[in-house]
Amino acid sequence: NIGNNQPENLLEFVDTLQQELIRAG
């Protein structure tokens, strides 16, 4: 297996994504 060994909730993942998209402009 090659995985991060730390599953993330999809809602939290999407929230982090939109924060970084705002940060990047």
mmCIF file of all heavy atoms, coordinates in Angstrom:
data_MODEL
# 
_entry.id   MODEL 
# 
loop_
_atom_site.group_PDB 
_atom_site.id 
_atom_site.type_symbol 
_atom_site.label_atom_id 
_atom_site.label_alt_id 
_atom_site.label_comp_id 
_atom_site.label_asym_id 
_atom_site.label_entity_id 
_atom_site.label_seq_id 
_atom_site.pdbx_PDB_ins_code 
_atom_site.Cartn_x 
_atom_site.Cartn_y 
_atom_site.Cartn_z 
_atom_site.occupancy 
_atom_site.B_iso_or_equiv 
_atom_site.pdbx_formal_charge 
_atom_site.auth_seq_id 
_atom_site.auth_comp_id 
_atom_site.auth_asym_id 
_atom_site.auth_atom_id 
_atom_site.pdbx_PDB_model_num 
ATOM 1   N N   . ASN A 1 1  ? 0.852   -1.185 0.000  1.00 0.00 ? 1  ASN A N   1 
ATOM 2   C CA  . ASN A 1 1  ? 0.000   0.000  0.000  1.00 0.00 ? 1  ASN A CA  1 
ATOM 3   C C   . ASN A 1 1  ? 0.885   1.231  0.000  1.00 0.00 ? 1  ASN A C   1 
ATOM 4   O O   . ASN A 1 1  ? 1.898   1.274  0.710  1.00 0.00 ? 1  ASN A O   1 
ATOM 5   C CB  . ASN A 1 1  ? -0.847  0.064  1.278  1.00 0.00 ? 1  ASN A CB  1 
ATOM 6   C CG  . ASN A 1 1  ? -1.954  -0.962 1.332  1.00 0.00 ? 1  ASN A CG  1 
ATOM 7   O OD1 . ASN A 1 1  ? -2.479  -1.378 0.299  1.00 0.00 ? 1  ASN A OD1 1 
ATOM 8   N ND2 . ASN A 1 1  ? -2.332  -1.377 2.538  1.00 0.00 ? 1  ASN A ND2 1 
ATOM 9   N N   . ILE A 1 2  ? 0.516   2.241  -0.791 1.00 0.00 ? 2  ILE A N   1 
ATOM 10  C CA  . ILE A 1 2  ? 1.147   3.557  -0.635 1.00 0.00 ? 2  ILE A CA  1 
ATOM 11  C C   . ILE A 1 2  ? 0.035   4.573  -0.412 1.00 0.00 ? 2  ILE A C   1 
ATOM 12  O O   . ILE A 1 2  ? -0.659  4.989  -1.349 1.00 0.00 ? 2  ILE A O   1 
ATOM 13  C CB  . ILE A 1 2  ? 2.017   3.959  -1.851 1.00 0.00 ? 2  ILE A CB  1 
ATOM 14  C CG1 . ILE A 1 2  ? 3.071   2.885  -2.141 1.00 0.00 ? 2  ILE A CG1 1 
ATOM 15  C CG2 . ILE A 1 2  ? 2.694   5.294  -1.579 1.00 0.00 ? 2  ILE A CG2 1 
ATOM 16  C CD1 . ILE A 1 2  ? 4.097   3.279  -3.178 1.00 0.00 ? 2  ILE A CD1 1 
ATOM 17  N N   . GLY A 1 3  ? -0.153  4.921  0.847  1.00 0.00 ? 3  GLY A N   1 
ATOM 18  C CA  . GLY A 1 3  ? -1.195  5.872  1.230  1.00 0.00 ? 3  GLY A CA  1 
ATOM 19  C C   . GLY A 1 3  ? -0.726  6.711  2.391  1.00 0.00 ? 3  GLY A C   1 
ATOM 20  O O   . GLY A 1 3  ? 0.271   6.395  3.048  1.00 0.00 ? 3  GLY A O   1 
ATOM 21  N N   . ASN A 1 4  ? -1.456  7.771  2.674  1.00 0.00 ? 4  ASN A N   1 
ATOM 22  C CA  . ASN A 1 4  ? -1.020  8.731  3.688  1.00 0.00 ? 4  ASN A CA  1 
ATOM 23  C C   . ASN A 1 4  ? -1.215  8.216  5.103  1.00 0.00 ? 4  ASN A C   1 
ATOM 24  O O   . ASN A 1 4  ? -0.743  8.837  6.051  1.00 0.00 ? 4  ASN A O   1 
ATOM 25  C CB  . ASN A 1 4  ? -1.757  10.063 3.510  1.00 0.00 ? 4  ASN A CB  1 
ATOM 26  C CG  . ASN A 1 4  ? -0.904  11.238 3.911  1.00 0.00 ? 4  ASN A CG  1 
ATOM 27  O OD1 . ASN A 1 4  ? 0.266   11.325 3.553  1.00 0.00 ? 4  ASN A OD1 1 
ATOM 28  N ND2 . ASN A 1 4  ? -1.469  12.149 4.692  1.00 0.00 ? 4  ASN A ND2 1 
ATOM 29  N N   . ASN A 1 5  ? -1.955  7.088  5.266  1.00 0.00 ? 5  ASN A N   1 
ATOM 30  C CA  . ASN A 1 5  ? -2.133  6.477  6.580  1.00 0.00 ? 5  ASN A CA  1 
ATOM 31  C C   . ASN A 1 5  ? -2.883  7.415  7.538  1.00 0.00 ? 5  ASN A C   1 
ATOM 32  O O   . ASN A 1 5  ? -2.725  7.354  8.740  1.00 0.00 ? 5  ASN A O   1 
ATOM 33  C CB  . ASN A 1 5  ? -0.740  6.109  7.147  1.00 0.00 ? 5  ASN A CB  1 
ATOM 34  C CG  . ASN A 1 5  ? -0.810  5.176  8.344  1.00 0.00 ? 5  ASN A CG  1 
ATOM 35  O OD1 . ASN A 1 5  ? -0.154  5.425  9.348  1.00 0.00 ? 5  ASN A OD1 1 
ATOM 36  N ND2 . ASN A 1 5  ? -1.588  4.120  8.253  1.00 0.00 ? 5  ASN A ND2 1 
ATOM 37  N N   . GLN A 1 6  ? -3.686  8.330  6.946  1.00 0.00 ? 6  GLN A N   1 
ATOM 38  C CA  . GLN A 1 6  ? -4.416  9.313  7.760  1.00 0.00 ? 6  GLN A CA  1 
ATOM 39  C C   . GLN A 1 6  ? -5.613  9.830  6.961  1.00 0.00 ? 6  GLN A C   1 
ATOM 40  O O   . GLN A 1 6  ? -5.552  10.883 6.346  1.00 0.00 ? 6  GLN A O   1 
ATOM 41  C CB  . GLN A 1 6  ? -3.490  10.479 8.121  1.00 0.00 ? 6  GLN A CB  1 
ATOM 42  C CG  . GLN A 1 6  ? -4.080  11.456 9.111  1.00 0.00 ? 6  GLN A CG  1 
ATOM 43  C CD  . GLN A 1 6  ? -3.094  12.555 9.461  1.00 0.00 ? 6  GLN A CD  1 
ATOM 44  O OE1 . GLN A 1 6  ? -1.887  12.328 9.510  1.00 0.00 ? 6  GLN A OE1 1 
ATOM 45  N NE2 . GLN A 1 6  ? -3.597  13.745 9.679  1.00 0.00 ? 6  GLN A NE2 1 
ATOM 46  N N   . PRO A 1 7  ? -6.713  9.066  6.936  1.00 0.00 ? 7  PRO A N   1 
ATOM 47  C CA  . PRO A 1 7  ? -7.847  9.472  6.100  1.00 0.00 ? 7  PRO A CA  1 
ATOM 48  C C   . PRO A 1 7  ? -8.460  10.797 6.541  1.00 0.00 ? 7  PRO A C   1 
ATOM 49  O O   . PRO A 1 7  ? -8.518  11.101 7.730  1.00 0.00 ? 7  PRO A O   1 
ATOM 50  C CB  . PRO A 1 7  ? -8.842  8.319  6.271  1.00 0.00 ? 7  PRO A CB  1 
ATOM 51  C CG  . PRO A 1 7  ? -8.436  7.613  7.502  1.00 0.00 ? 7  PRO A CG  1 
ATOM 52  C CD  . PRO A 1 7  ? -6.968  7.823  7.674  1.00 0.00 ? 7  PRO A CD  1 
ATOM 53  N N   . GLU A 1 8  ? -8.871  11.585 5.542  1.00 0.00 ? 8  GLU A N   1 
ATOM 54  C CA  . GLU A 1 8  ? -9.458  12.905 5.787  1.00 0.00 ? 8  GLU A CA  1 
ATOM 55  C C   . GLU A 1 8  ? -10.923 12.883 5.385  1.00 0.00 ? 8  GLU A C   1 
ATOM 56  O O   . GLU A 1 8  ? -11.293 12.342 4.347  1.00 0.00 ? 8  GLU A O   1 
ATOM 57  C CB  . GLU A 1 8  ? -8.725  13.966 4.949  1.00 0.00 ? 8  GLU A CB  1 
ATOM 58  C CG  . GLU A 1 8  ? -7.221  14.027 5.159  1.00 0.00 ? 8  GLU A CG  1 
ATOM 59  C CD  . GLU A 1 8  ? -6.815  14.825 6.380  1.00 0.00 ? 8  GLU A CD  1 
ATOM 60  O OE1 . GLU A 1 8  ? -7.705  15.460 6.991  1.00 0.00 ? 8  GLU A OE1 1 
ATOM 61  O OE2 . GLU A 1 8  ? -5.611  14.818 6.708  1.00 0.00 ? 8  GLU A OE2 1 
ATOM 62  N N   . ASN A 1 9  ? -11.755 13.519 6.201  1.00 0.00 ? 9  ASN A N   1 
ATOM 63  C CA  . ASN A 1 9  ? -13.161 13.688 5.862  1.00 0.00 ? 9  ASN A CA  1 
ATOM 64  C C   . ASN A 1 9  ? -13.291 14.567 4.627  1.00 0.00 ? 9  ASN A C   1 
ATOM 65  O O   . ASN A 1 9  ? -12.612 15.593 4.514  1.00 0.00 ? 9  ASN A O   1 
ATOM 66  C CB  . ASN A 1 9  ? -13.894 14.310 7.050  1.00 0.00 ? 9  ASN A CB  1 
ATOM 67  C CG  . ASN A 1 9  ? -15.370 14.484 6.787  1.00 0.00 ? 9  ASN A CG  1 
ATOM 68  O OD1 . ASN A 1 9  ? -15.773 15.444 6.138  1.00 0.00 ? 9  ASN A OD1 1 
ATOM 69  N ND2 . ASN A 1 9  ? -16.178 13.572 7.285  1.00 0.00 ? 9  ASN A ND2 1 
ATOM 70  N N   . LEU A 1 10 ? -14.149 14.175 3.688  1.00 0.00 ? 10 LEU A N   1 
ATOM 71  C CA  . LEU A 1 10 ? -14.250 14.879 2.411  1.00 0.00 ? 10 LEU A CA  1 
ATOM 72  C C   . LEU A 1 10 ? -14.665 16.344 2.594  1.00 0.00 ? 10 LEU A C   1 
ATOM 73  O O   . LEU A 1 10 ? -14.156 17.237 1.908  1.00 0.00 ? 10 LEU A O   1 
ATOM 74  C CB  . LEU A 1 10 ? -15.238 14.153 1.493  1.00 0.00 ? 10 LEU A CB  1 
ATOM 75  C CG  . LEU A 1 10 ? -15.240 14.565 0.019  1.00 0.00 ? 10 LEU A CG  1 
ATOM 76  C CD1 . LEU A 1 10 ? -13.844 14.486 -0.585 1.00 0.00 ? 10 LEU A CD1 1 
ATOM 77  C CD2 . LEU A 1 10 ? -16.196 13.677 -0.771 1.00 0.00 ? 10 LEU A CD2 1 
ATOM 78  N N   . LEU A 1 11 ? -15.570 16.606 3.534  1.00 0.00 ? 11 LEU A N   1 
ATOM 79  C CA  . LEU A 1 11 ? -15.995 17.996 3.774  1.00 0.00 ? 11 LEU A CA  1 
ATOM 80  C C   . LEU A 1 11 ? -14.826 18.848 4.267  1.00 0.00 ? 11 LEU A C   1 
ATOM 81  O O   . LEU A 1 11 ? -14.651 19.989 3.826  1.00 0.00 ? 11 LEU A O   1 
ATOM 82  C CB  . LEU A 1 11 ? -17.125 18.036 4.808  1.00 0.00 ? 11 LEU A CB  1 
ATOM 83  C CG  . LEU A 1 11 ? -18.556 17.982 4.279  1.00 0.00 ? 11 LEU A CG  1 
ATOM 84  C CD1 . LEU A 1 11 ? -19.542 17.993 5.439  1.00 0.00 ? 11 LEU A CD1 1 
ATOM 85  C CD2 . LEU A 1 11 ? -18.846 19.144 3.330  1.00 0.00 ? 11 LEU A CD2 1 
ATOM 86  N N   . GLU A 1 12 ? -14.019 18.303 5.158  1.00 0.00 ? 12 GLU A N   1 
ATOM 87  C CA  . GLU A 1 12 ? -12.855 19.047 5.665  1.00 0.00 ? 12 GLU A CA  1 
ATOM 88  C C   . GLU A 1 12 ? -11.820 19.242 4.563  1.00 0.00 ? 12 GLU A C   1 
ATOM 89  O O   . GLU A 1 12 ? -11.178 20.295 4.470  1.00 0.00 ? 12 GLU A O   1 
ATOM 90  C CB  . GLU A 1 12 ? -12.240 18.304 6.855  1.00 0.00 ? 12 GLU A CB  1 
ATOM 91  C CG  . GLU A 1 12 ? -13.139 18.304 8.085  1.00 0.00 ? 12 GLU A CG  1 
ATOM 92  C CD  . GLU A 1 12 ? -12.623 17.401 9.194  1.00 0.00 ? 12 GLU A CD  1 
ATOM 93  O OE1 . GLU A 1 12 ? -11.444 16.979 9.131  1.00 0.00 ? 12 GLU A OE1 1 
ATOM 94  O OE2 . GLU A 1 12 ? -13.405 17.110 10.116 1.00 0.00 ? 12 GLU A OE2 1 
ATOM 95  N N   . PHE A 1 13 ? -11.663 18.220 3.719  1.00 0.00 ? 13 PHE A N   1 
ATOM 96  C CA  . PHE A 1 13 ? -10.740 18.319 2.587  1.00 0.00 ? 13 PHE A CA  1 
ATOM 97  C C   . PHE A 1 13 ? -11.156 19.467 1.671  1.00 0.00 ? 13 PHE A C   1 
ATOM 98  O O   . PHE A 1 13 ? -10.328 20.301 1.273  1.00 0.00 ? 13 PHE A O   1 
ATOM 99  C CB  . PHE A 1 13 ? -10.756 16.990 1.812  1.00 0.00 ? 13 PHE A CB  1 
ATOM 100 C CG  . PHE A 1 13 ? -9.948  16.999 0.540  1.00 0.00 ? 13 PHE A CG  1 
ATOM 101 C CD1 . PHE A 1 13 ? -8.600  16.738 0.563  1.00 0.00 ? 13 PHE A CD1 1 
ATOM 102 C CD2 . PHE A 1 13 ? -10.554 17.258 -0.693 1.00 0.00 ? 13 PHE A CD2 1 
ATOM 103 C CE1 . PHE A 1 13 ? -7.845  16.730 -0.611 1.00 0.00 ? 13 PHE A CE1 1 
ATOM 104 C CE2 . PHE A 1 13 ? -9.810  17.258 -1.864 1.00 0.00 ? 13 PHE A CE2 1 
ATOM 105 C CZ  . PHE A 1 13 ? -8.459  16.990 -1.821 1.00 0.00 ? 13 PHE A CZ  1 
ATOM 106 N N   . VAL A 1 14 ? -12.449 19.534 1.343  1.00 0.00 ? 14 VAL A N   1 
ATOM 107 C CA  . VAL A 1 14 ? -12.949 20.565 0.434  1.00 0.00 ? 14 VAL A CA  1 
ATOM 108 C C   . VAL A 1 14 ? -12.821 21.949 1.073  1.00 0.00 ? 14 VAL A C   1 
ATOM 109 O O   . VAL A 1 14 ? -12.511 22.941 0.396  1.00 0.00 ? 14 VAL A O   1 
ATOM 110 C CB  . VAL A 1 14 ? -14.406 20.265 0.016  1.00 0.00 ? 14 VAL A CB  1 
ATOM 111 C CG1 . VAL A 1 14 ? -14.983 21.411 -0.797 1.00 0.00 ? 14 VAL A CG1 1 
ATOM 112 C CG2 . VAL A 1 14 ? -14.468 18.978 -0.789 1.00 0.00 ? 14 VAL A CG2 1 
ATOM 113 N N   . ASP A 1 15 ? -13.037 22.026 2.381  1.00 0.00 ? 15 ASP A N   1 
ATOM 114 C CA  . ASP A 1 15 ? -12.898 23.300 3.080  1.00 0.00 ? 15 ASP A CA  1 
ATOM 115 C C   . ASP A 1 15 ? -11.450 23.795 3.021  1.00 0.00 ? 15 ASP A C   1 
ATOM 116 O O   . ASP A 1 15 ? -11.187 24.978 2.747  1.00 0.00 ? 15 ASP A O   1 
ATOM 117 C CB  . ASP A 1 15 ? -13.351 23.144 4.533  1.00 0.00 ? 15 ASP A CB  1 
ATOM 118 C CG  . ASP A 1 15 ? -13.375 24.480 5.266  1.00 0.00 ? 15 ASP A CG  1 
ATOM 119 O OD1 . ASP A 1 15 ? -13.976 25.437 4.734  1.00 0.00 ? 15 ASP A OD1 1 
ATOM 120 O OD2 . ASP A 1 15 ? -12.779 24.569 6.366  1.00 0.00 ? 15 ASP A OD2 1 
ATOM 121 N N   . THR A 1 16 ? -10.491 22.880 3.244  1.00 0.00 ? 16 THR A N   1 
ATOM 122 C CA  . THR A 1 16 ? -9.067  23.242 3.146  1.00 0.00 ? 16 THR A CA  1 
ATOM 123 C C   . THR A 1 16 ? -8.720  23.660 1.723  1.00 0.00 ? 16 THR A C   1 
ATOM 124 O O   . THR A 1 16 ? -7.980  24.628 1.507  1.00 0.00 ? 16 THR A O   1 
ATOM 125 C CB  . THR A 1 16 ? -8.178  22.059 3.583  1.00 0.00 ? 16 THR A CB  1 
ATOM 126 O OG1 . THR A 1 16 ? -8.552  21.640 4.887  1.00 0.00 ? 16 THR A OG1 1 
ATOM 127 C CG2 . THR A 1 16 ? -6.704  22.441 3.576  1.00 0.00 ? 16 THR A CG2 1 
ATOM 128 N N   . LEU A 1 17 ? -9.270  22.939 0.746  1.00 0.00 ? 17 LEU A N   1 
ATOM 129 C CA  . LEU A 1 17 ? -9.023  23.271 -0.657 1.00 0.00 ? 17 LEU A CA  1 
ATOM 130 C C   . LEU A 1 17 ? -9.480  24.686 -0.973 1.00 0.00 ? 17 LEU A C   1 
ATOM 131 O O   . LEU A 1 17 ? -8.727  25.475 -1.563 1.00 0.00 ? 17 LEU A O   1 
ATOM 132 C CB  . LEU A 1 17 ? -9.747  22.269 -1.569 1.00 0.00 ? 17 LEU A CB  1 
ATOM 133 C CG  . LEU A 1 17 ? -9.732  22.577 -3.074 1.00 0.00 ? 17 LEU A CG  1 
ATOM 134 C CD1 . LEU A 1 17 ? -8.305  22.549 -3.626 1.00 0.00 ? 17 LEU A CD1 1 
ATOM 135 C CD2 . LEU A 1 17 ? -10.623 21.588 -3.842 1.00 0.00 ? 17 LEU A CD2 1 
ATOM 136 N N   . GLN A 1 18 ? -10.705 25.058 -0.569 1.00 0.00 ? 18 GLN A N   1 
ATOM 137 C CA  . GLN A 1 18 ? -11.197 26.399 -0.920 1.00 0.00 ? 18 GLN A CA  1 
ATOM 138 C C   . GLN A 1 18 ? -10.387 27.478 -0.193 1.00 0.00 ? 18 GLN A C   1 
ATOM 139 O O   . GLN A 1 18 ? -10.139 28.547 -0.745 1.00 0.00 ? 18 GLN A O   1 
ATOM 140 C CB  . GLN A 1 18 ? -12.701 26.517 -0.667 1.00 0.00 ? 18 GLN A CB  1 
ATOM 141 C CG  . GLN A 1 18 ? -13.172 26.362 0.759  1.00 0.00 ? 18 GLN A CG  1 
ATOM 142 C CD  . GLN A 1 18 ? -13.436 27.688 1.455  1.00 0.00 ? 18 GLN A CD  1 
ATOM 143 O OE1 . GLN A 1 18 ? -13.493 28.711 0.796  1.00 0.00 ? 18 GLN A OE1 1 
ATOM 144 N NE2 . GLN A 1 18 ? -13.578 27.650 2.767  1.00 0.00 ? 18 GLN A NE2 1 
ATOM 145 N N   . GLN A 1 19 ? -9.914  27.201 1.020  1.00 0.00 ? 19 GLN A N   1 
ATOM 146 C CA  . GLN A 1 19 ? -9.049  28.166 1.710  1.00 0.00 ? 19 GLN A CA  1 
ATOM 147 C C   . GLN A 1 19 ? -7.764  28.410 0.924  1.00 0.00 ? 19 GLN A C   1 
ATOM 148 O O   . GLN A 1 19 ? -7.304  29.552 0.781  1.00 0.00 ? 19 GLN A O   1 
ATOM 149 C CB  . GLN A 1 19 ? -8.709  27.653 3.116  1.00 0.00 ? 19 GLN A CB  1 
ATOM 150 C CG  . GLN A 1 19 ? -9.863  27.656 4.101  1.00 0.00 ? 19 GLN A CG  1 
ATOM 151 C CD  . GLN A 1 19 ? -9.496  26.941 5.392  1.00 0.00 ? 19 GLN A CD  1 
ATOM 152 O OE1 . GLN A 1 19 ? -8.319  26.901 5.787  1.00 0.00 ? 19 GLN A OE1 1 
ATOM 153 N NE2 . GLN A 1 19 ? -10.475 26.354 6.058  1.00 0.00 ? 19 GLN A NE2 1 
ATOM 154 N N   . GLU A 1 20 ? -7.179  27.317 0.411  1.00 0.00 ? 20 GLU A N   1 
ATOM 155 C CA  . GLU A 1 20 ? -5.921  27.451 -0.336 1.00 0.00 ? 20 GLU A CA  1 
ATOM 156 C C   . GLU A 1 20 ? -6.146  28.083 -1.708 1.00 0.00 ? 20 GLU A C   1 
ATOM 157 O O   . GLU A 1 20 ? -5.266  28.772 -2.234 1.00 0.00 ? 20 GLU A O   1 
ATOM 158 C CB  . GLU A 1 20 ? -5.226  26.096 -0.447 1.00 0.00 ? 20 GLU A CB  1 
ATOM 159 C CG  . GLU A 1 20 ? -4.701  25.565 0.877  1.00 0.00 ? 20 GLU A CG  1 
ATOM 160 C CD  . GLU A 1 20 ? -3.765  26.536 1.581  1.00 0.00 ? 20 GLU A CD  1 
ATOM 161 O OE1 . GLU A 1 20 ? -2.983  27.238 0.895  1.00 0.00 ? 20 GLU A OE1 1 
ATOM 162 O OE2 . GLU A 1 20 ? -3.817  26.624 2.824  1.00 0.00 ? 20 GLU A OE2 1 
ATOM 163 N N   . LEU A 1 21 ? -7.310  27.840 -2.310 1.00 0.00 ? 21 LEU A N   1 
ATOM 164 C CA  . LEU A 1 21 ? -7.630  28.490 -3.591 1.00 0.00 ? 21 LEU A CA  1 
ATOM 165 C C   . LEU A 1 21 ? -7.792  29.996 -3.402 1.00 0.00 ? 21 LEU A C   1 
ATOM 166 O O   . LEU A 1 21 ? -7.390  30.790 -4.263 1.00 0.00 ? 21 LEU A O   1 
ATOM 167 C CB  . LEU A 1 21 ? -8.901  27.878 -4.190 1.00 0.00 ? 21 LEU A CB  1 
ATOM 168 C CG  . LEU A 1 21 ? -8.773  26.426 -4.672 1.00 0.00 ? 21 LEU A CG  1 
ATOM 169 C CD1 . LEU A 1 21 ? -10.140 25.870 -5.059 1.00 0.00 ? 21 LEU A CD1 1 
ATOM 170 C CD2 . LEU A 1 21 ? -7.794  26.301 -5.836 1.00 0.00 ? 21 LEU A CD2 1 
ATOM 171 N N   . ILE A 1 22 ? -8.364  30.398 -2.274 1.00 0.00 ? 22 ILE A N   1 
ATOM 172 C CA  . ILE A 1 22 ? -8.477  31.833 -1.967 1.00 0.00 ? 22 ILE A CA  1 
ATOM 173 C C   . ILE A 1 22 ? -7.089  32.416 -1.711 1.00 0.00 ? 22 ILE A C   1 
ATOM 174 O O   . ILE A 1 22 ? -6.744  33.481 -2.233 1.00 0.00 ? 22 ILE A O   1 
ATOM 175 C CB  . ILE A 1 22 ? -9.410  32.042 -0.753 1.00 0.00 ? 22 ILE A CB  1 
ATOM 176 C CG1 . ILE A 1 22 ? -10.864 31.737 -1.147 1.00 0.00 ? 22 ILE A CG1 1 
ATOM 177 C CG2 . ILE A 1 22 ? -9.288  33.471 -0.214 1.00 0.00 ? 22 ILE A CG2 1 
ATOM 178 C CD1 . ILE A 1 22 ? -11.833 31.685 0.016  1.00 0.00 ? 22 ILE A CD1 1 
ATOM 179 N N   . ARG A 1 23 ? -6.287  31.712 -0.945 1.00 0.00 ? 23 ARG A N   1 
ATOM 180 C CA  . ARG A 1 23 ? -4.929  32.167 -0.627 1.00 0.00 ? 23 ARG A CA  1 
ATOM 181 C C   . ARG A 1 23 ? -4.092  32.369 -1.903 1.00 0.00 ? 23 ARG A C   1 
ATOM 182 O O   . ARG A 1 23 ? -3.314  33.324 -2.006 1.00 0.00 ? 23 ARG A O   1 
ATOM 183 C CB  . ARG A 1 23 ? -4.261  31.137 0.297  1.00 0.00 ? 23 ARG A CB  1 
ATOM 184 C CG  . ARG A 1 23 ? -2.828  31.454 0.667  1.00 0.00 ? 23 ARG A CG  1 
ATOM 185 C CD  . ARG A 1 23 ? -2.183  30.262 1.375  1.00 0.00 ? 23 ARG A CD  1 
ATOM 186 N NE  . ARG A 1 23 ? -0.753  30.476 1.564  1.00 0.00 ? 23 ARG A NE  1 
ATOM 187 C CZ  . ARG A 1 23 ? -0.193  30.937 2.669  1.00 0.00 ? 23 ARG A CZ  1 
ATOM 188 N NH1 . ARG A 1 23 ? -0.940  31.238 3.706  1.00 0.00 ? 23 ARG A NH1 1 
ATOM 189 N NH2 . ARG A 1 23 ? 1.113   31.095 2.749  1.00 0.00 ? 23 ARG A NH2 1 
ATOM 190 N N   . ALA A 1 24 ? -4.270  31.452 -2.875 1.00 0.00 ? 24 ALA A N   1 
ATOM 191 C CA  . ALA A 1 24 ? -3.490  31.523 -4.117 1.00 0.00 ? 24 ALA A CA  1 
ATOM 192 C C   . ALA A 1 24 ? -4.055  32.540 -5.110 1.00 0.00 ? 24 ALA A C   1 
ATOM 193 O O   . ALA A 1 24 ? -3.450  32.789 -6.156 1.00 0.00 ? 24 ALA A O   1 
ATOM 194 C CB  . ALA A 1 24 ? -3.434  30.142 -4.769 1.00 0.00 ? 24 ALA A CB  1 
ATOM 195 N N   . GLY A 1 25 ? -5.221  33.078 -4.814 1.00 0.00 ? 25 GLY A N   1 
ATOM 196 C CA  . GLY A 1 25 ? -5.832  34.045 -5.722 1.00 0.00 ? 25 GLY A CA  1 
ATOM 197 C C   . GLY A 1 25 ? -6.628  33.399 -6.838 1.00 0.00 ? 25 GLY A C   1 
ATOM 198 O O   . GLY A 1 25 ? -6.991  34.062 -7.817 1.00 0.00 ? 25 GLY A O   1 
# 
